[in-house]
Amino acid sequence: MLLLDLNTVAPRERVEAFHHALTDSLVPNDVSHEEPETGIHARMEMWRVGGLDLFATRNSGFEVRRTATHVRHHRSRPVVSVSLQPLGVHRAEVSGRQAFLGFDDICVFHELSPRVYGWSGDGASRSIMFDMHRLGVPVDAVTRASLQLRASPLYDLVLQHLRGMWRDPGRLEADPGAEALASATTELVRALLVSAAHAEETVEVRSTMDDTLLTRIMAYARSHLADRDLTPERIAAEHAVSLRRLYSLLSGAGISLEQWLIEERLGKARRMLASARYDRLTIAAVSARCGFSSPSHFSRRFQAAYGVSPSECRRLGGAITVNGPE
């Protein structure tokens, strides 16, 4: 949903329109613009994926300051925002500590904590809002974690997952699996925050890591489908568990790892073949991007799963009867 496009607003009305859109869609803040006299630009959009609100903005230089007074006027169900910075160098200040954030950084703010955030020049932010009660992490733990997120061994995994959420939020919004995706994303973010906020050896971290192990394993595997060496041994090693523990965990969830990986890879290949975005890729290139050992092996598995060859699937635009994996 488009919230704001300042290109459609008269220049003299843009500051007020920006503030109105930002405070209505989020919470009250003090907002100052880098060059309000020469004109500002902004485009804000929002999607709802399961129970999560996704908010994206691209705008000229500005600063948002949330004070203790603003905190006292929070909404009935406060949120924790987790954002990525796809464009520009962003500035943040929490608890008197300043930081500069870029493309590879995750930025976390708790609505009940004062902070300063913004950038100079053209910049963009993509934020996911988590209900603090559903997230289940105390305010002080969120604040502490936000200052040392990279101390967590889960950081890279969660970063890749969040990037995946933003590839096509409109499509995710309408997907029947949106609720499950929202729950999995919440669990991953909770694990990251608890891991970063506490020493690894604490009972709280061990409990959270155990509770979210299956979610983390599946997210890791999905983000590495292109890797031909994505073996059970590698997955177990990446999560510091034995092969026996890995298979026991998956068996308890009714999952055969090898079959699940084939289904996920075939499903990814089918989506690529149906998308105009990848129509210049050869079948062999699609096969490689989905982690198959050879194009011939890929074609045999695809034919067996869907009843058509990869090239026929592409010709039909993905409109095939599915007897195998989605």
C-alpha atoms as a PDB file:
ATOM      1  CA  MET A   1       0.000   0.000   0.000  1.00  0.00           C
ATOM      2  CA  LEU A   2       1.354   3.394  -0.967  1.00  0.00           C
ATOM      3  CA  LEU A   3       1.339   5.741   2.042  1.00  0.00           C
ATOM      4  CA  LEU A   4       3.017   8.774   0.543  1.00  0.00           C
ATOM      5  CA  ASP A   5       4.580  10.042  -2.664  1.00  0.00           C
ATOM      6  CA  LEU A   6       5.749  13.621  -2.274  1.00  0.00           C
ATOM      7  CA  ASN A   7       6.030  13.990  -6.034  1.00  0.00           C
ATOM      8  CA  THR A   8       2.242  14.391  -5.960  1.00  0.00           C
ATOM      9  CA  VAL A   9       2.332  17.045  -3.200  1.00  0.00           C
ATOM     10  CA  ALA A  10       2.959  20.764  -3.672  1.00  0.00           C
ATOM     11  CA  PRO A  11       6.493  21.717  -2.459  1.00  0.00           C
ATOM     12  CA  ARG A  12       5.202  24.059   0.259  1.00  0.00           C
ATOM     13  CA  GLU A  13       3.070  21.254   1.728  1.00  0.00           C
ATOM     14  CA  ARG A  14       5.667  18.485   1.677  1.00  0.00           C
ATOM     15  CA  VAL A  15       7.102  18.886   5.188  1.00  0.00           C
ATOM     16  CA  GLU A  16       3.669  18.654   6.751  1.00  0.00           C
ATOM     17  CA  ALA A  17       2.662  15.722   4.535  1.00  0.00           C
ATOM     18  CA  PHE A  18       5.863  13.858   5.408  1.00  0.00           C
ATOM     19  CA  HIS A  19       5.343  14.357   9.134  1.00  0.00           C
ATOM     20  CA  HIS A  20       1.690  13.359   8.887  1.00  0.00           C
ATOM     21  CA  ALA A  21       2.476  10.121   7.027  1.00  0.00           C
ATOM     22  CA  LEU A  22       5.342   9.188   9.337  1.00  0.00           C
ATOM     23  CA  THR A  23       3.499   9.787  12.603  1.00  0.00           C
ATOM     24  CA  ASP A  24       0.260   8.215  11.402  1.00  0.00           C
ATOM     25  CA  SER A  25       1.928   5.044  10.141  1.00  0.00           C
ATOM     26  CA  LEU A  26       4.393   4.758  13.009  1.00  0.00           C
ATOM     27  CA  VAL A  27       4.466   6.798  16.260  1.00  0.00           C
ATOM     28  CA  PRO A  28       4.993  10.446  17.294  1.00  0.00           C
ATOM     29  CA  ASN A  29       8.525  11.788  16.731  1.00  0.00           C
ATOM     30  CA  ASP A  30      10.321  15.083  16.209  1.00  0.00           C
ATOM     31  CA  VAL A  31      11.306  15.265  12.540  1.00  0.00           C
ATOM     32  CA  SER A  32      13.779  17.682  10.959  1.00  0.00           C
ATOM     33  CA  HIS A  33      14.727  17.822   7.280  1.00  0.00           C
ATOM     34  CA  GLU A  34      18.150  18.453   5.830  1.00  0.00           C
ATOM     35  CA  GLU A  35      17.009  20.961   3.187  1.00  0.00           C
ATOM     36  CA  PRO A  36      13.345  21.845   3.755  1.00  0.00           C
ATOM     37  CA  GLU A  37      13.637  25.114   1.830  1.00  0.00           C
ATOM     38  CA  THR A  38      14.860  23.550  -1.422  1.00  0.00           C
ATOM     39  CA  GLY A  39      12.268  20.796  -1.388  1.00  0.00           C
ATOM     40  CA  ILE A  40      12.211  17.282   0.028  1.00  0.00           C
ATOM     41  CA  HIS A  41      11.222  14.007  -1.583  1.00  0.00           C
ATOM     42  CA  ALA A  42       9.844  10.801  -0.116  1.00  0.00           C
ATOM     43  CA  ARG A  43       8.016   7.649  -1.058  1.00  0.00           C
ATOM     44  CA  MET A  44       6.580   5.483   1.731  1.00  0.00           C
ATOM     45  CA  GLU A  45       4.926   2.087   1.346  1.00  0.00           C
ATOM     46  CA  MET A  46       3.528  -0.520   3.725  1.00  0.00           C
ATOM     47  CA  TRP A  47       2.611  -4.205   3.480  1.00  0.00           C
ATOM     48  CA  ARG A  48       1.172  -6.661   6.006  1.00  0.00           C
ATOM     49  CA  VAL A  49       2.657 -10.142   5.904  1.00  0.00           C
ATOM     50  CA  GLY A  50       0.898 -12.413   8.358  1.00  0.00           C
ATOM     51  CA  GLY A  51       0.889 -10.421  11.583  1.00  0.00           C
ATOM     52  CA  LEU A  52       3.861  -8.242  10.623  1.00  0.00           C
ATOM     53  CA  ASP A  53       3.820  -4.709   9.198  1.00  0.00           C
ATOM     54  CA  LEU A  54       6.574  -3.981   6.656  1.00  0.00           C
ATOM     55  CA  PHE A  55       7.332  -0.289   6.140  1.00  0.00           C
ATOM     56  CA  ALA A  56       9.651   1.045   3.420  1.00  0.00           C
ATOM     57  CA  THR A  57      10.723   4.612   2.768  1.00  0.00           C
ATOM     58  CA  ARG A  58      13.107   6.317   0.389  1.00  0.00           C
ATOM     59  CA  ASN A  59      13.559  10.005   1.071  1.00  0.00           C
ATOM     60  CA  SER A  60      15.896  12.974   1.218  1.00  0.00           C
ATOM     61  CA  GLY A  61      18.064  13.666   4.261  1.00  0.00           C
ATOM     62  CA  PHE A  62      16.267  13.888   7.590  1.00  0.00           C
ATOM     63  CA  GLU A  63      16.492  13.099  11.293  1.00  0.00           C
ATOM     64  CA  VAL A  64      13.880  11.504  13.540  1.00  0.00           C
ATOM     65  CA  ARG A  65      14.243  12.098  17.251  1.00  0.00           C
ATOM     66  CA  ARG A  66      12.157  10.094  19.709  1.00  0.00           C
ATOM     67  CA  THR A  67      12.290  11.585  23.198  1.00  0.00           C
ATOM     68  CA  ALA A  68      11.202  10.369  26.626  1.00  0.00           C
ATOM     69  CA  THR A  69       8.047  12.458  26.183  1.00  0.00           C
ATOM     70  CA  HIS A  70       7.225  10.633  22.957  1.00  0.00           C
ATOM     71  CA  VAL A  71       7.839   7.307  24.660  1.00  0.00           C
ATOM     72  CA  ARG A  72       5.159   8.110  27.251  1.00  0.00           C
ATOM     73  CA  HIS A  73       2.632   8.445  24.411  1.00  0.00           C
ATOM     74  CA  HIS A  74       3.221   5.069  22.828  1.00  0.00           C
ATOM     75  CA  ARG A  75       0.486   3.017  21.184  1.00  0.00           C
ATOM     76  CA  SER A  76      -1.451   0.412  23.179  1.00  0.00           C
ATOM     77  CA  ARG A  77       0.692  -2.400  21.789  1.00  0.00           C
ATOM     78  CA  PRO A  78       4.249  -1.066  21.363  1.00  0.00           C
ATOM     79  CA  VAL A  79       6.499  -2.475  18.670  1.00  0.00           C
ATOM     80  CA  VAL A  80      10.131  -3.314  18.052  1.00  0.00           C
ATOM     81  CA  SER A  81      11.326  -2.183  14.611  1.00  0.00           C
ATOM     82  CA  VAL A  82      14.002  -4.174  12.802  1.00  0.00           C
ATOM     83  CA  SER A  83      15.304  -2.400   9.734  1.00  0.00           C
ATOM     84  CA  LEU A  84      17.775  -2.688   6.880  1.00  0.00           C
ATOM     85  CA  GLN A  85      19.516   0.201   5.112  1.00  0.00           C
ATOM     86  CA  PRO A  86      19.552  -0.538   1.352  1.00  0.00           C
ATOM     87  CA  LEU A  87      20.693   2.985   0.460  1.00  0.00           C
ATOM     88  CA  GLY A  88      22.827   5.603   2.199  1.00  0.00           C
ATOM     89  CA  VAL A  89      24.827   5.770   5.421  1.00  0.00           C
ATOM     90  CA  HIS A  90      22.449   6.003   8.369  1.00  0.00           C
ATOM     91  CA  ARG A  91      23.119   7.518  11.794  1.00  0.00           C
ATOM     92  CA  ALA A  92      21.654   6.121  14.993  1.00  0.00           C
ATOM     93  CA  GLU A  93      21.977   6.986  18.665  1.00  0.00           C
ATOM     94  CA  VAL A  94      20.643   4.824  21.507  1.00  0.00           C
ATOM     95  CA  SER A  95      21.540   5.102  25.195  1.00  0.00           C
ATOM     96  CA  GLY A  96      24.152   7.743  24.417  1.00  0.00           C
ATOM     97  CA  ARG A  97      25.983   5.512  21.929  1.00  0.00           C
ATOM     98  CA  GLN A  98      26.268   6.569  18.288  1.00  0.00           C
ATOM     99  CA  ALA A  99      26.604   4.269  15.310  1.00  0.00           C
ATOM    100  CA  PHE A 100      26.775   4.484  11.527  1.00  0.00           C
ATOM    101  CA  LEU A 101      24.755   1.852   9.669  1.00  0.00           C
ATOM    102  CA  GLY A 102      25.047   0.588   6.118  1.00  0.00           C
ATOM    103  CA  PHE A 103      23.945  -2.160   3.766  1.00  0.00           C
ATOM    104  CA  ASP A 104      25.191  -5.060   5.906  1.00  0.00           C
ATOM    105  CA  ASP A 105      23.766  -3.774   9.194  1.00  0.00           C
ATOM    106  CA  ILE A 106      20.564  -4.605  11.039  1.00  0.00           C
ATOM    107  CA  CYS A 107      19.118  -1.709  13.017  1.00  0.00           C
ATOM    108  CA  VAL A 108      16.844  -2.435  16.007  1.00  0.00           C
ATOM    109  CA  PHE A 109      14.751   0.088  17.934  1.00  0.00           C
ATOM    110  CA  HIS A 110      12.294  -0.507  20.761  1.00  0.00           C
ATOM    111  CA  GLU A 111       9.369   1.910  20.739  1.00  0.00           C
ATOM    112  CA  LEU A 112       9.752   2.363  24.499  1.00  0.00           C
ATOM    113  CA  SER A 113      13.345   3.598  24.194  1.00  0.00           C
ATOM    114  CA  PRO A 114      14.417   7.127  23.157  1.00  0.00           C
ATOM    115  CA  ARG A 115      16.638   7.274  20.085  1.00  0.00           C
ATOM    116  CA  VAL A 116      17.835   9.374  17.154  1.00  0.00           C
ATOM    117  CA  TYR A 117      17.895   8.097  13.580  1.00  0.00           C
ATOM    118  CA  GLY A 118      18.399   9.567  10.112  1.00  0.00           C
ATOM    119  CA  TRP A 119      20.689  10.138   7.165  1.00  0.00           C
ATOM    120  CA  SER A 120      22.184  12.793   4.929  1.00  0.00           C
ATOM    121  CA  GLY A 121      21.321  12.973   1.232  1.00  0.00           C
ATOM    122  CA  ASP A 122      19.253  10.304  -0.465  1.00  0.00           C
ATOM    123  CA  GLY A 123      18.594   7.245   1.682  1.00  0.00           C
ATOM    124  CA  ALA A 124      16.225   4.325   2.176  1.00  0.00           C
ATOM    125  CA  SER A 125      15.070   2.149   5.039  1.00  0.00           C
ATOM    126  CA  ARG A 126      13.064  -1.082   5.195  1.00  0.00           C
ATOM    127  CA  SER A 127      11.557  -1.894   8.579  1.00  0.00           C
ATOM    128  CA  ILE A 128       9.573  -4.804   9.970  1.00  0.00           C
ATOM    129  CA  MET A 129       7.451  -4.090  13.049  1.00  0.00           C
ATOM    130  CA  PHE A 130       7.170  -6.751  15.756  1.00  0.00           C
ATOM    131  CA  ASP A 131       4.568  -6.566  18.513  1.00  0.00           C
ATOM    132  CA  MET A 132       6.685  -6.437  21.682  1.00  0.00           C
ATOM    133  CA  HIS A 133       4.345  -8.811  23.538  1.00  0.00           C
ATOM    134  CA  ARG A 134       4.493 -11.383  20.767  1.00  0.00           C
ATOM    135  CA  LEU A 135       8.256 -10.983  20.514  1.00  0.00           C
ATOM    136  CA  GLY A 136       8.582 -11.558  24.238  1.00  0.00           C
ATOM    137  CA  VAL A 137      11.924  -9.790  24.820  1.00  0.00           C
ATOM    138  CA  PRO A 138      12.120  -7.140  27.609  1.00  0.00           C
ATOM    139  CA  VAL A 139      12.846  -3.510  26.728  1.00  0.00           C
ATOM    140  CA  ASP A 140      16.269  -3.479  28.387  1.00  0.00           C
ATOM    141  CA  ALA A 141      17.277  -6.689  26.595  1.00  0.00           C
ATOM    142  CA  VAL A 142      16.227  -5.273  23.204  1.00  0.00           C
ATOM    143  CA  THR A 143      18.187  -2.087  23.859  1.00  0.00           C
ATOM    144  CA  ARG A 144      21.257  -4.010  25.020  1.00  0.00           C
ATOM    145  CA  ALA A 145      21.073  -6.333  22.020  1.00  0.00           C
ATOM    146  CA  SER A 146      20.679  -3.430  19.579  1.00  0.00           C
ATOM    147  CA  LEU A 147      24.104  -2.147  20.585  1.00  0.00           C
ATOM    148  CA  GLN A 148      25.903  -5.456  19.954  1.00  0.00           C
ATOM    149  CA  LEU A 149      23.930  -7.452  17.402  1.00  0.00           C
ATOM    150  CA  ARG A 150      27.059  -8.675  15.634  1.00  0.00           C
ATOM    151  CA  ALA A 151      28.144 -10.435  18.820  1.00  0.00           C
ATOM    152  CA  SER A 152      25.511 -13.068  18.038  1.00  0.00           C
ATOM    153  CA  PRO A 153      26.445 -16.065  15.868  1.00  0.00           C
ATOM    154  CA  LEU A 154      22.939 -15.785  14.393  1.00  0.00           C
ATOM    155  CA  TYR A 155      23.558 -12.365  12.849  1.00  0.00           C
ATOM    156  CA  ASP A 156      24.359 -13.394   9.260  1.00  0.00           C
ATOM    157  CA  LEU A 157      21.540 -15.941   9.166  1.00  0.00           C
ATOM    158  CA  VAL A 158      18.935 -13.405  10.308  1.00  0.00           C
ATOM    159  CA  LEU A 159      20.336 -10.735   7.960  1.00  0.00           C
ATOM    160  CA  GLN A 160      19.853 -13.035   4.960  1.00  0.00           C
ATOM    161  CA  HIS A 161      16.359 -13.966   6.111  1.00  0.00           C
ATOM    162  CA  LEU A 162      15.341 -10.314   6.461  1.00  0.00           C
ATOM    163  CA  ARG A 163      16.697  -9.534   3.005  1.00  0.00           C
ATOM    164  CA  GLY A 164      14.582 -12.370   1.658  1.00  0.00           C
ATOM    165  CA  MET A 165      11.482 -10.834   3.242  1.00  0.00           C
ATOM    166  CA  TRP A 166      12.044  -7.690   1.179  1.00  0.00           C
ATOM    167  CA  ARG A 167      12.550  -9.285  -2.243  1.00  0.00           C
ATOM    168  CA  ASP A 168       8.826  -9.225  -3.016  1.00  0.00           C
ATOM    169  CA  PRO A 169       6.714  -8.197   0.021  1.00  0.00           C
ATOM    170  CA  GLY A 170       3.608  -7.749  -2.126  1.00  0.00           C
ATOM    171  CA  ARG A 171       3.722 -11.384  -3.162  1.00  0.00           C
ATOM    172  CA  LEU A 172       4.371 -12.533   0.410  1.00  0.00           C
ATOM    173  CA  GLU A 173       1.423 -10.466   1.617  1.00  0.00           C
ATOM    174  CA  ALA A 174      -0.993 -12.554  -0.441  1.00  0.00           C
ATOM    175  CA  ASP A 175       0.709 -15.913   0.109  1.00  0.00           C
ATOM    176  CA  PRO A 176      -1.233 -18.559   2.102  1.00  0.00           C
ATOM    177  CA  GLY A 177       1.932 -19.222   4.095  1.00  0.00           C
ATOM    178  CA  ALA A 178       2.179 -15.606   5.318  1.00  0.00           C
ATOM    179  CA  GLU A 179       1.143 -16.389   8.898  1.00  0.00           C
ATOM    180  CA  ALA A 180       3.699 -19.185   9.197  1.00  0.00           C
ATOM    181  CA  LEU A 181       6.366 -16.932   7.696  1.00  0.00           C
ATOM    182  CA  ALA A 182       5.534 -14.171  10.190  1.00  0.00           C
ATOM    183  CA  SER A 183       5.833 -16.625  13.084  1.00  0.00           C
ATOM    184  CA  ALA A 184       9.161 -17.983  11.820  1.00  0.00           C
ATOM    185  CA  THR A 185      10.521 -14.462  11.311  1.00  0.00           C
ATOM    186  CA  THR A 186       9.454 -13.468  14.818  1.00  0.00           C
ATOM    187  CA  GLU A 187      11.200 -16.512  16.269  1.00  0.00           C
ATOM    188  CA  LEU A 188      14.414 -15.772  14.361  1.00  0.00           C
ATOM    189  CA  VAL A 189      14.469 -12.137  15.493  1.00  0.00           C
ATOM    190  CA  ARG A 190      13.734 -13.172  19.084  1.00  0.00           C
ATOM    191  CA  ALA A 191      16.629 -15.629  18.970  1.00  0.00           C
ATOM    192  CA  LEU A 192      18.958 -12.937  17.590  1.00  0.00           C
ATOM    193  CA  LEU A 193      17.999 -10.411  20.267  1.00  0.00           C
ATOM    194  CA  VAL A 194      18.318 -12.849  23.156  1.00  0.00           C
ATOM    195  CA  SER A 195      21.596 -14.198  21.799  1.00  0.00           C
ATOM    196  CA  ALA A 196      23.084 -10.715  21.382  1.00  0.00           C
ATOM    197  CA  ALA A 197      21.791  -9.421  24.715  1.00  0.00           C
ATOM    198  CA  HIS A 198      23.187 -12.192  26.906  1.00  0.00           C
ATOM    199  CA  ALA A 199      26.333 -14.244  27.238  1.00  0.00           C
ATOM    200  CA  GLU A 200      26.145 -17.488  25.276  1.00  0.00           C
ATOM    201  CA  GLU A 201      26.349 -19.662  28.371  1.00  0.00           C
ATOM    202  CA  THR A 202      23.230 -18.273  30.096  1.00  0.00           C
ATOM    203  CA  VAL A 203      20.206 -20.523  30.579  1.00  0.00           C
ATOM    204  CA  GLU A 204      17.982 -17.980  28.817  1.00  0.00           C
ATOM    205  CA  VAL A 205      20.042 -18.074  25.641  1.00  0.00           C
ATOM    206  CA  ARG A 206      20.337 -21.866  25.631  1.00  0.00           C
ATOM    207  CA  SER A 207      16.567 -22.177  26.035  1.00  0.00           C
ATOM    208  CA  THR A 208      15.822 -19.748  23.210  1.00  0.00           C
ATOM    209  CA  MET A 209      18.414 -21.331  20.936  1.00  0.00           C
ATOM    210  CA  ASP A 210      16.897 -24.771  21.562  1.00  0.00           C
ATOM    211  CA  ASP A 211      13.346 -23.518  20.988  1.00  0.00           C
ATOM    212  CA  THR A 212      14.243 -21.948  17.658  1.00  0.00           C
ATOM    213  CA  LEU A 213      16.723 -24.557  16.401  1.00  0.00           C
ATOM    214  CA  LEU A 214      14.399 -26.098  13.809  1.00  0.00           C
ATOM    215  CA  THR A 215      13.368 -22.650  12.516  1.00  0.00           C
ATOM    216  CA  ARG A 216      17.016 -21.609  12.230  1.00  0.00           C
ATOM    217  CA  ILE A 217      17.989 -24.823  10.453  1.00  0.00           C
ATOM    218  CA  MET A 218      15.219 -24.476   7.868  1.00  0.00           C
ATOM    219  CA  ALA A 219      16.003 -20.789   7.295  1.00  0.00           C
ATOM    220  CA  TYR A 220      19.698 -21.594   6.872  1.00  0.00           C
ATOM    221  CA  ALA A 221      18.985 -24.378   4.392  1.00  0.00           C
ATOM    222  CA  ARG A 222      16.618 -22.211   2.333  1.00  0.00           C
ATOM    223  CA  SER A 223      19.220 -19.461   2.095  1.00  0.00           C
ATOM    224  CA  HIS A 224      21.860 -21.941   0.843  1.00  0.00           C
ATOM    225  CA  LEU A 225      19.856 -23.954  -1.692  1.00  0.00           C
ATOM    226  CA  ALA A 226      22.284 -22.952  -4.446  1.00  0.00           C
ATOM    227  CA  ASP A 227      25.179 -24.637  -2.625  1.00  0.00           C
ATOM    228  CA  ARG A 228      25.770 -28.131  -3.954  1.00  0.00           C
ATOM    229  CA  ASP A 229      27.680 -29.022  -0.794  1.00  0.00           C
ATOM    230  CA  LEU A 230      24.684 -28.321   1.454  1.00  0.00           C
ATOM    231  CA  THR A 231      24.987 -31.683   3.183  1.00  0.00           C
ATOM    232  CA  PRO A 232      23.484 -32.889   6.477  1.00  0.00           C
ATOM    233  CA  GLU A 233      27.003 -32.809   7.919  1.00  0.00           C
ATOM    234  CA  ARG A 234      27.451 -29.147   6.985  1.00  0.00           C
ATOM    235  CA  ILE A 235      24.032 -28.161   8.333  1.00  0.00           C
ATOM    236  CA  ALA A 236      24.726 -29.940  11.613  1.00  0.00           C
ATOM    237  CA  ALA A 237      28.183 -28.352  11.926  1.00  0.00           C
ATOM    238  CA  GLU A 238      26.817 -24.859  11.218  1.00  0.00           C
ATOM    239  CA  HIS A 239      24.384 -25.249  14.115  1.00  0.00           C
ATOM    240  CA  ALA A 240      26.791 -27.004  16.495  1.00  0.00           C
ATOM    241  CA  VAL A 241      24.717 -30.181  16.760  1.00  0.00           C
ATOM    242  CA  SER A 242      25.474 -33.809  15.985  1.00  0.00           C
ATOM    243  CA  LEU A 243      24.061 -35.548  12.928  1.00  0.00           C
ATOM    244  CA  ARG A 244      22.020 -37.715  15.265  1.00  0.00           C
ATOM    245  CA  ARG A 245      20.503 -34.630  16.922  1.00  0.00           C
ATOM    246  CA  LEU A 246      19.795 -33.076  13.529  1.00  0.00           C
ATOM    247  CA  TYR A 247      17.959 -36.113  12.200  1.00  0.00           C
ATOM    248  CA  SER A 248      16.077 -36.578  15.475  1.00  0.00           C
ATOM    249  CA  LEU A 249      14.891 -32.977  15.392  1.00  0.00           C
ATOM    250  CA  LEU A 250      13.745 -33.224  11.768  1.00  0.00           C
ATOM    251  CA  SER A 251      12.115 -36.598  12.313  1.00  0.00           C
ATOM    252  CA  GLY A 252      10.111 -35.139  15.185  1.00  0.00           C
ATOM    253  CA  ALA A 253       8.767 -32.534  12.770  1.00  0.00           C
ATOM    254  CA  GLY A 254       7.974 -35.148  10.129  1.00  0.00           C
ATOM    255  CA  ILE A 255      10.701 -33.935   7.765  1.00  0.00           C
ATOM    256  CA  SER A 256      13.024 -36.037   5.611  1.00  0.00           C
ATOM    257  CA  LEU A 257      15.945 -33.679   5.024  1.00  0.00           C
ATOM    258  CA  GLU A 258      17.071 -35.041   1.663  1.00  0.00           C
ATOM    259  CA  GLN A 259      13.534 -35.098   0.243  1.00  0.00           C
ATOM    260  CA  TRP A 260      12.770 -31.656   1.674  1.00  0.00           C
ATOM    261  CA  LEU A 261      15.887 -30.170   0.040  1.00  0.00           C
ATOM    262  CA  ILE A 262      14.919 -31.653  -3.340  1.00  0.00           C
ATOM    263  CA  GLU A 263      11.388 -30.250  -3.015  1.00  0.00           C
ATOM    264  CA  GLU A 264      12.652 -26.804  -2.026  1.00  0.00           C
ATOM    265  CA  ARG A 265      15.138 -26.741  -4.902  1.00  0.00           C
ATOM    266  CA  LEU A 266      12.552 -27.887  -7.433  1.00  0.00           C
ATOM    267  CA  GLY A 267      10.067 -25.352  -6.134  1.00  0.00           C
ATOM    268  CA  LYS A 268      12.652 -22.588  -6.450  1.00  0.00           C
ATOM    269  CA  ALA A 269      13.482 -23.722  -9.998  1.00  0.00           C
ATOM    270  CA  ARG A 270       9.821 -23.763 -10.976  1.00  0.00           C
ATOM    271  CA  ARG A 271       9.338 -20.205  -9.713  1.00  0.00           C
ATOM    272  CA  MET A 272      12.420 -19.052 -11.609  1.00  0.00           C
ATOM    273  CA  LEU A 273      11.268 -20.692 -14.834  1.00  0.00           C
ATOM    274  CA  ALA A 274       7.855 -19.021 -14.495  1.00  0.00           C
ATOM    275  CA  SER A 275       9.334 -15.570 -13.874  1.00  0.00           C
ATOM    276  CA  ALA A 276      10.178 -13.143 -16.658  1.00  0.00           C
ATOM    277  CA  ARG A 277      12.991 -11.911 -14.434  1.00  0.00           C
ATOM    278  CA  TYR A 278      14.986 -15.057 -15.234  1.00  0.00           C
ATOM    279  CA  ASP A 279      13.926 -15.670 -18.834  1.00  0.00           C
ATOM    280  CA  ARG A 280      17.442 -15.007 -20.114  1.00  0.00           C
ATOM    281  CA  LEU A 281      18.957 -17.740 -17.940  1.00  0.00           C
ATOM    282  CA  THR A 282      19.578 -21.078 -19.612  1.00  0.00           C
ATOM    283  CA  ILE A 283      18.103 -24.238 -18.092  1.00  0.00           C
ATOM    284  CA  ALA A 284      21.624 -25.172 -17.026  1.00  0.00           C
ATOM    285  CA  ALA A 285      22.008 -21.825 -15.231  1.00  0.00           C
ATOM    286  CA  VAL A 286      18.693 -22.309 -13.421  1.00  0.00           C
ATOM    287  CA  SER A 287      19.826 -25.797 -12.453  1.00  0.00           C
ATOM    288  CA  ALA A 288      23.092 -24.435 -11.010  1.00  0.00           C
ATOM    289  CA  ARG A 289      21.339 -21.623  -9.116  1.00  0.00           C
ATOM    290  CA  CYS A 290      19.102 -24.186  -7.460  1.00  0.00           C
ATOM    291  CA  GLY A 291      21.968 -26.412  -6.342  1.00  0.00           C
ATOM    292  CA  PHE A 292      21.596 -29.398  -8.678  1.00  0.00           C
ATOM    293  CA  SER A 293      24.715 -31.380  -9.538  1.00  0.00           C
ATOM    294  CA  SER A 294      24.019 -31.373 -13.292  1.00  0.00           C
ATOM    295  CA  PRO A 295      21.393 -30.129 -15.778  1.00  0.00           C
ATOM    296  CA  SER A 296      20.476 -33.708 -16.717  1.00  0.00           C
ATOM    297  CA  HIS A 297      19.866 -34.657 -13.076  1.00  0.00           C
ATOM    298  CA  PHE A 298      17.811 -31.513 -12.622  1.00  0.00           C
ATOM    299  CA  SER A 299      15.694 -32.232 -15.723  1.00  0.00           C
ATOM    300  CA  ARG A 300      14.971 -35.818 -14.610  1.00  0.00           C
ATOM    301  CA  ARG A 301      13.891 -34.723 -11.121  1.00  0.00           C
ATOM    302  CA  PHE A 302      11.812 -31.864 -12.508  1.00  0.00           C
ATOM    303  CA  GLN A 303      10.037 -34.120 -15.029  1.00  0.00           C
ATOM    304  CA  ALA A 304       9.306 -36.677 -12.311  1.00  0.00           C
ATOM    305  CA  ALA A 305       7.903 -34.040  -9.959  1.00  0.00           C
ATOM    306  CA  TYR A 306       5.843 -31.940 -12.368  1.00  0.00           C
ATOM    307  CA  GLY A 307       5.222 -34.125 -15.414  1.00  0.00           C
ATOM    308  CA  VAL A 308       6.832 -31.631 -17.798  1.00  0.00           C
ATOM    309  CA  SER A 309      10.397 -30.700 -18.662  1.00  0.00           C
ATOM    310  CA  PRO A 310      11.952 -27.448 -17.383  1.00  0.00           C
ATOM    311  CA  SER A 311      11.792 -25.947 -20.897  1.00  0.00           C
ATOM    312  CA  GLU A 312       8.099 -26.843 -21.204  1.00  0.00           C
ATOM    313  CA  CYS A 313       7.438 -25.287 -17.805  1.00  0.00           C
ATOM    314  CA  ARG A 314       9.079 -22.078 -18.994  1.00  0.00           C
ATOM    315  CA  ARG A 315       7.042 -22.096 -22.215  1.00  0.00           C
ATOM    316  CA  LEU A 316       3.841 -22.512 -20.185  1.00  0.00           C
ATOM    317  CA  GLY A 317       4.798 -19.723 -17.819  1.00  0.00           C
ATOM    318  CA  GLY A 318       4.676 -22.091 -14.836  1.00  0.00           C
ATOM    319  CA  ALA A 319       1.021 -22.973 -15.490  1.00  0.00           C
ATOM    320  CA  ILE A 320       1.404 -26.679 -14.878  1.00  0.00           C
ATOM    321  CA  THR A 321      -0.479 -29.236 -12.855  1.00  0.00           C
ATOM    322  CA  VAL A 322       1.490 -29.909  -9.717  1.00  0.00           C
ATOM    323  CA  ASN A 323       1.709 -33.498  -8.545  1.00  0.00           C
ATOM    324  CA  GLY A 324       4.972 -33.024  -6.699  1.00  0.00           C
ATOM    325  CA  PRO A 325       6.509 -30.200  -4.662  1.00  0.00           C
ATOM    326  CA  GLU A 326       5.240 -26.643  -4.707  1.00  0.00           C
END
